[in-house]
Amino acid sequence: SSGAIAEGMKRLGWATRPKAIHELQAAAA
């Protein structure tokens, strides 16, 4: 299942997928 980063973006209030690796990793967590 995909969805961890997308769900993290929603929970963090981010409308667009970030490009910075550390932000993507944070969203995944």
PDB file of all heavy atoms in Angstrom:
ATOM      1  N   SER A   1       0.807  -1.214   0.000  1.00  0.00           N
ATOM      2  CA  SER A   1       0.000   0.000   0.000  1.00  0.00           C
ATOM      3  C   SER A   1       0.839   1.263   0.000  1.00  0.00           C
ATOM      4  O   SER A   1       1.704   1.454   0.857  1.00  0.00           O
ATOM      5  CB  SER A   1      -0.927   0.019   1.222  1.00  0.00           C
ATOM      6  OG  SER A   1      -1.692   1.209   1.243  1.00  0.00           O
ATOM      7  N   SER A   2       0.569   2.124  -0.949  1.00  0.00           N
ATOM      8  CA  SER A   2       1.101   3.481  -0.916  1.00  0.00           C
ATOM      9  C   SER A   2       0.233   4.301   0.035  1.00  0.00           C
ATOM     10  O   SER A   2      -0.719   3.798   0.616  1.00  0.00           O
ATOM     11  CB  SER A   2       1.071   4.093  -2.319  1.00  0.00           C
ATOM     12  OG  SER A   2       1.841   3.337  -3.220  1.00  0.00           O
ATOM     13  N   GLY A   3       0.567   5.568   0.183  1.00  0.00           N
ATOM     14  CA  GLY A   3      -0.308   6.465   0.924  1.00  0.00           C
ATOM     15  C   GLY A   3       0.286   7.129   2.145  1.00  0.00           C
ATOM     16  O   GLY A   3      -0.301   8.066   2.675  1.00  0.00           O
ATOM     17  N   ALA A   4       1.459   6.661   2.613  1.00  0.00           N
ATOM     18  CA  ALA A   4       2.007   7.247   3.837  1.00  0.00           C
ATOM     19  C   ALA A   4       2.372   8.718   3.639  1.00  0.00           C
ATOM     20  O   ALA A   4       2.036   9.568   4.468  1.00  0.00           O
ATOM     21  CB  ALA A   4       3.221   6.450   4.300  1.00  0.00           C
ATOM     22  N   ILE A   5       3.077   9.027   2.557  1.00  0.00           N
ATOM     23  CA  ILE A   5       3.477  10.413   2.325  1.00  0.00           C
ATOM     24  C   ILE A   5       2.253  11.286   2.090  1.00  0.00           C
ATOM     25  O   ILE A   5       2.138  12.396   2.632  1.00  0.00           O
ATOM     26  CB  ILE A   5       4.463  10.502   1.142  1.00  0.00           C
ATOM     27  CG1 ILE A   5       5.804   9.855   1.523  1.00  0.00           C
ATOM     28  CG2 ILE A   5       4.675  11.951   0.714  1.00  0.00           C
ATOM     29  CD1 ILE A   5       6.830   9.847   0.408  1.00  0.00           C
ATOM     30  N   ALA A   6       1.310  10.783   1.280  1.00  0.00           N
ATOM     31  CA  ALA A   6       0.105  11.564   0.991  1.00  0.00           C
ATOM     32  C   ALA A   6      -0.704  11.827   2.247  1.00  0.00           C
ATOM     33  O   ALA A   6      -1.213  12.940   2.465  1.00  0.00           O
ATOM     34  CB  ALA A   6      -0.745  10.823  -0.046  1.00  0.00           C
ATOM     35  N   GLU A   7      -0.844  10.831   3.121  1.00  0.00           N
ATOM     36  CA  GLU A   7      -1.568  11.019   4.377  1.00  0.00           C
ATOM     37  C   GLU A   7      -0.800  11.971   5.290  1.00  0.00           C
ATOM     38  O   GLU A   7      -1.404  12.814   5.971  1.00  0.00           O
ATOM     39  CB  GLU A   7      -1.788   9.677   5.070  1.00  0.00           C
ATOM     40  CG  GLU A   7      -2.317   9.756   6.488  1.00  0.00           C
ATOM     41  CD  GLU A   7      -3.706  10.367   6.605  1.00  0.00           C
ATOM     42  OE1 GLU A   7      -4.359  10.582   5.551  1.00  0.00           O
ATOM     43  OE2 GLU A   7      -4.142  10.623   7.728  1.00  0.00           O
ATOM     44  N   GLY A   8       0.521  11.860   5.299  1.00  0.00           N
ATOM     45  CA  GLY A   8       1.319  12.785   6.101  1.00  0.00           C
ATOM     46  C   GLY A   8       1.173  14.224   5.630  1.00  0.00           C
ATOM     47  O   GLY A   8       1.089  15.152   6.448  1.00  0.00           O
ATOM     48  N   MET A   9       1.136  14.415   4.313  1.00  0.00           N
ATOM     49  CA  MET A   9       0.918  15.753   3.766  1.00  0.00           C
ATOM     50  C   MET A   9      -0.400  16.333   4.253  1.00  0.00           C
ATOM     51  O   MET A   9      -0.478  17.505   4.646  1.00  0.00           O
ATOM     52  CB  MET A   9       0.923  15.695   2.235  1.00  0.00           C
ATOM     53  CG  MET A   9       2.282  15.472   1.606  1.00  0.00           C
ATOM     54  SD  MET A   9       2.156  15.052  -0.164  1.00  0.00           S
ATOM     55  CE  MET A   9       1.103  16.376  -0.774  1.00  0.00           C
ATOM     56  N   LYS A  10      -1.429  15.502   4.256  1.00  0.00           N
ATOM     57  CA  LYS A  10      -2.750  15.971   4.692  1.00  0.00           C
ATOM     58  C   LYS A  10      -2.732  16.342   6.169  1.00  0.00           C
ATOM     59  O   LYS A  10      -3.245  17.385   6.576  1.00  0.00           O
ATOM     60  CB  LYS A  10      -3.778  14.886   4.400  1.00  0.00           C
ATOM     61  CG  LYS A  10      -5.219  15.296   4.709  1.00  0.00           C
ATOM     62  CD  LYS A  10      -5.698  14.685   6.007  1.00  0.00           C
ATOM     63  CE  LYS A  10      -7.158  15.029   6.255  1.00  0.00           C
ATOM     64  NZ  LYS A  10      -7.640  14.466   7.542  1.00  0.00           N
ATOM     65  N   ARG A  11      -2.103  15.492   6.978  1.00  0.00           N
ATOM     66  CA  ARG A  11      -2.057  15.746   8.419  1.00  0.00           C
ATOM     67  C   ARG A  11      -1.222  16.978   8.752  1.00  0.00           C
ATOM     68  O   ARG A  11      -1.476  17.659   9.751  1.00  0.00           O
ATOM     69  CB  ARG A  11      -1.505  14.530   9.151  1.00  0.00           C
ATOM     70  CG  ARG A  11      -2.429  13.316   9.115  1.00  0.00           C
ATOM     71  CD  ARG A  11      -1.925  12.188   9.983  1.00  0.00           C
ATOM     72  NE  ARG A  11      -2.884  11.093  10.041  1.00  0.00           N
ATOM     73  CZ  ARG A  11      -2.996  10.231  11.032  1.00  0.00           C
ATOM     74  NH1 ARG A  11      -2.180  10.324  12.083  1.00  0.00           N
ATOM     75  NH2 ARG A  11      -3.895   9.265  11.009  1.00  0.00           N
ATOM     76  N   LEU A  12      -0.220  17.233   7.923  1.00  0.00           N
ATOM     77  CA  LEU A  12       0.635  18.400   8.153  1.00  0.00           C
ATOM     78  C   LEU A  12       0.111  19.660   7.477  1.00  0.00           C
ATOM     79  O   LEU A  12       0.691  20.732   7.625  1.00  0.00           O
ATOM     80  CB  LEU A  12       2.054  18.091   7.643  1.00  0.00           C
ATOM     81  CG  LEU A  12       2.815  17.026   8.438  1.00  0.00           C
ATOM     82  CD1 LEU A  12       4.072  16.594   7.669  1.00  0.00           C
ATOM     83  CD2 LEU A  12       3.183  17.541   9.822  1.00  0.00           C
ATOM     84  N   GLY A  13      -0.968  19.527   6.721  1.00  0.00           N
ATOM     85  CA  GLY A  13      -1.568  20.682   6.067  1.00  0.00           C
ATOM     86  C   GLY A  13      -0.843  21.146   4.821  1.00  0.00           C
ATOM     87  O   GLY A  13      -0.953  22.313   4.438  1.00  0.00           O
ATOM     88  N   TRP A  14      -0.107  20.251   4.163  1.00  0.00           N
ATOM     89  CA  TRP A  14       0.639  20.598   2.947  1.00  0.00           C
ATOM     90  C   TRP A  14      -0.208  20.285   1.711  1.00  0.00           C
ATOM     91  O   TRP A  14      -0.656  19.146   1.528  1.00  0.00           O
ATOM     92  CB  TRP A  14       1.950  19.816   2.870  1.00  0.00           C
ATOM     93  CG  TRP A  14       2.902  20.116   3.990  1.00  0.00           C
ATOM     94  CD1 TRP A  14       2.826  21.142   4.895  1.00  0.00           C
ATOM     95  CD2 TRP A  14       4.065  19.375   4.335  1.00  0.00           C
ATOM     96  NE1 TRP A  14       3.869  21.090   5.779  1.00  0.00           N
ATOM     97  CE2 TRP A  14       4.651  20.019   5.456  1.00  0.00           C
ATOM     98  CE3 TRP A  14       4.681  18.240   3.816  1.00  0.00           C
ATOM     99  CZ2 TRP A  14       5.818  19.560   6.061  1.00  0.00           C
ATOM    100  CZ3 TRP A  14       5.844  17.777   4.418  1.00  0.00           C
ATOM    101  CH2 TRP A  14       6.405  18.429   5.521  1.00  0.00           C
ATOM    102  N   ALA A  15      -0.413  21.271   0.870  1.00  0.00           N
ATOM    103  CA  ALA A  15      -1.254  21.098  -0.306  1.00  0.00           C
ATOM    104  C   ALA A  15      -0.511  20.453  -1.468  1.00  0.00           C
ATOM    105  O   ALA A  15      -1.115  19.791  -2.316  1.00  0.00           O
ATOM    106  CB  ALA A  15      -1.826  22.450  -0.743  1.00  0.00           C
ATOM    107  N   THR A  16       0.795  20.668  -1.539  1.00  0.00           N
ATOM    108  CA  THR A  16       1.580  20.106  -2.643  1.00  0.00           C
ATOM    109  C   THR A  16       2.707  19.248  -2.084  1.00  0.00           C
ATOM    110  O   THR A  16       3.215  19.496  -0.987  1.00  0.00           O
ATOM    111  CB  THR A  16       2.184  21.218  -3.524  1.00  0.00           C
ATOM    112  OG1 THR A  16       2.998  22.073  -2.715  1.00  0.00           O
ATOM    113  CG2 THR A  16       1.081  22.034  -4.182  1.00  0.00           C
ATOM    114  N   ARG A  17       3.087  18.242  -2.851  1.00  0.00           N
ATOM    115  CA  ARG A  17       4.147  17.327  -2.436  1.00  0.00           C
ATOM    116  C   ARG A  17       5.473  18.078  -2.371  1.00  0.00           C
ATOM    117  O   ARG A  17       5.913  18.668  -3.361  1.00  0.00           O
ATOM    118  CB  ARG A  17       4.236  16.174  -3.438  1.00  0.00           C
ATOM    119  CG  ARG A  17       5.267  15.095  -3.087  1.00  0.00           C
ATOM    120  CD  ARG A  17       5.311  14.051  -4.199  1.00  0.00           C
ATOM    121  NE  ARG A  17       6.359  13.063  -3.983  1.00  0.00           N
ATOM    122  CZ  ARG A  17       6.164  11.844  -3.496  1.00  0.00           C
ATOM    123  NH1 ARG A  17       4.938  11.461  -3.183  1.00  0.00           N
ATOM    124  NH2 ARG A  17       7.160  11.002  -3.345  1.00  0.00           N
ATOM    125  N   PRO A  18       6.153  18.065  -1.230  1.00  0.00           N
ATOM    126  CA  PRO A  18       7.428  18.782  -1.114  1.00  0.00           C
ATOM    127  C   PRO A  18       8.522  18.076  -1.907  1.00  0.00           C
ATOM    128  O   PRO A  18       8.411  16.899  -2.251  1.00  0.00           O
ATOM    129  CB  PRO A  18       7.720  18.741   0.392  1.00  0.00           C
ATOM    130  CG  PRO A  18       7.011  17.524   0.875  1.00  0.00           C
ATOM    131  CD  PRO A  18       5.782  17.401   0.033  1.00  0.00           C
ATOM    132  N   LYS A  19       9.592  18.791  -2.171  1.00  0.00           N
ATOM    133  CA  LYS A  19      10.718  18.227  -2.901  1.00  0.00           C
ATOM    134  C   LYS A  19      11.894  17.883  -1.981  1.00  0.00           C
ATOM    135  O   LYS A  19      12.718  17.052  -2.328  1.00  0.00           O
ATOM    136  CB  LYS A  19      11.174  19.201  -3.986  1.00  0.00           C
ATOM    137  CG  LYS A  19      10.115  19.443  -5.060  1.00  0.00           C
ATOM    138  CD  LYS A  19      10.621  20.390  -6.144  1.00  0.00           C
ATOM    139  CE  LYS A  19       9.567  20.599  -7.220  1.00  0.00           C
ATOM    140  NZ  LYS A  19      10.035  21.540  -8.275  1.00  0.00           N
ATOM    141  N   ALA A  20      11.970  18.534  -0.844  1.00  0.00           N
ATOM    142  CA  ALA A  20      13.076  18.291   0.080  1.00  0.00           C
ATOM    143  C   ALA A  20      12.943  16.894   0.687  1.00  0.00           C
ATOM    144  O   ALA A  20      11.869  16.516   1.162  1.00  0.00           O
ATOM    145  CB  ALA A  20      13.090  19.344   1.185  1.00  0.00           C
ATOM    146  N   ILE A  21      14.045  16.153   0.669  1.00  0.00           N
ATOM    147  CA  ILE A  21      14.017  14.781   1.151  1.00  0.00           C
ATOM    148  C   ILE A  21      13.590  14.710   2.616  1.00  0.00           C
ATOM    149  O   ILE A  21      12.770  13.865   2.998  1.00  0.00           O
ATOM    150  CB  ILE A  21      15.397  14.117   0.973  1.00  0.00           C
ATOM    151  CG1 ILE A  21      15.715  13.961  -0.517  1.00  0.00           C
ATOM    152  CG2 ILE A  21      15.438  12.757   1.665  1.00  0.00           C
ATOM    153  CD1 ILE A  21      14.745  13.087  -1.266  1.00  0.00           C
ATOM    154  N   HIS A  22      14.123  15.586   3.467  1.00  0.00           N
ATOM    155  CA  HIS A  22      13.795  15.507   4.885  1.00  0.00           C
ATOM    156  C   HIS A  22      12.314  15.794   5.133  1.00  0.00           C
ATOM    157  O   HIS A  22      11.716  15.251   6.064  1.00  0.00           O
ATOM    158  CB  HIS A  22      14.673  16.466   5.700  1.00  0.00           C
ATOM    159  CG  HIS A  22      14.456  17.909   5.400  1.00  0.00           C
ATOM    160  ND1 HIS A  22      15.064  18.558   4.340  1.00  0.00           N
ATOM    161  CD2 HIS A  22      13.691  18.844   6.014  1.00  0.00           C
ATOM    162  CE1 HIS A  22      14.691  19.819   4.323  1.00  0.00           C
ATOM    163  NE2 HIS A  22      13.859  20.019   5.315  1.00  0.00           N
ATOM    164  N   GLU A  23      11.695  16.630   4.293  1.00  0.00           N
ATOM    165  CA  GLU A  23      10.263  16.896   4.442  1.00  0.00           C
ATOM    166  C   GLU A  23       9.437  15.694   3.989  1.00  0.00           C
ATOM    167  O   GLU A  23       8.414  15.358   4.600  1.00  0.00           O
ATOM    168  CB  GLU A  23       9.881  18.148   3.658  1.00  0.00           C
ATOM    169  CG  GLU A  23      10.453  19.434   4.246  1.00  0.00           C
ATOM    170  CD  GLU A  23      10.056  20.662   3.456  1.00  0.00           C
ATOM    171  OE1 GLU A  23       9.671  20.505   2.269  1.00  0.00           O
ATOM    172  OE2 GLU A  23      10.122  21.767   4.012  1.00  0.00           O
ATOM    173  N   LEU A  24       9.872  15.036   2.916  1.00  0.00           N
ATOM    174  CA  LEU A  24       9.187  13.832   2.457  1.00  0.00           C
ATOM    175  C   LEU A  24       9.287  12.724   3.502  1.00  0.00           C
ATOM    176  O   LEU A  24       8.315  12.002   3.759  1.00  0.00           O
ATOM    177  CB  LEU A  24       9.783  13.364   1.126  1.00  0.00           C
ATOM    178  CG  LEU A  24       9.438  14.213  -0.100  1.00  0.00           C
ATOM    179  CD1 LEU A  24      10.365  13.878  -1.255  1.00  0.00           C
ATOM    180  CD2 LEU A  24       7.990  14.001  -0.498  1.00  0.00           C
ATOM    181  N   GLN A  25      10.450  12.598   4.105  1.00  0.00           N
ATOM    182  CA  GLN A  25      10.624  11.579   5.134  1.00  0.00           C
ATOM    183  C   GLN A  25       9.769  11.894   6.360  1.00  0.00           C
ATOM    184  O   GLN A  25       9.199  10.986   6.974  1.00  0.00           O
ATOM    185  CB  GLN A  25      12.107  11.486   5.516  1.00  0.00           C
ATOM    186  CG  GLN A  25      12.964  10.902   4.388  1.00  0.00           C
ATOM    187  CD  GLN A  25      14.447  10.954   4.688  1.00  0.00           C
ATOM    188  OE1 GLN A  25      14.924  11.882   5.322  1.00  0.00           O
ATOM    189  NE2 GLN A  25      15.174   9.958   4.227  1.00  0.00           N
ATOM    190  N   ALA A  26       9.666  13.155   6.703  1.00  0.00           N
ATOM    191  CA  ALA A  26       8.820  13.546   7.833  1.00  0.00           C
ATOM    192  C   ALA A  26       7.352  13.246   7.536  1.00  0.00           C
ATOM    193  O   ALA A  26       6.619  12.740   8.398  1.00  0.00           O
ATOM    194  CB  ALA A  26       9.012  15.031   8.139  1.00  0.00           C
ATOM    195  N   ALA A  27       6.925  13.555   6.314  1.00  0.00           N
ATOM    196  CA  ALA A  27       5.541  13.270   5.935  1.00  0.00           C
ATOM    197  C   ALA A  27       5.260  11.770   5.984  1.00  0.00           C
ATOM    198  O   ALA A  27       4.190  11.340   6.439  1.00  0.00           O
ATOM    199  CB  ALA A  27       5.269  13.811   4.528  1.00  0.00           C
ATOM    200  N   ALA A  28       6.215  10.975   5.543  1.00  0.00           N
ATOM    201  CA  ALA A  28       6.048   9.519   5.580  1.00  0.00           C
ATOM    202  C   ALA A  28       5.914   9.024   7.015  1.00  0.00           C
ATOM    203  O   ALA A  28       5.085   8.168   7.325  1.00  0.00           O
ATOM    204  CB  ALA A  28       7.225   8.830   4.895  1.00  0.00           C
ATOM    205  N   ALA A  29       6.728   9.572   7.916  1.00  0.00           N
ATOM    206  CA  ALA A  29       6.685   9.149   9.314  1.00  0.00           C
ATOM    207  C   ALA A  29       5.343   9.482   9.953  1.00  0.00           C
ATOM    208  O   ALA A  29       4.775   8.680  10.699  1.00  0.00           O
ATOM    209  CB  ALA A  29       7.829   9.805  10.090  1.00  0.00           C
TER     210      ALA A  29
END
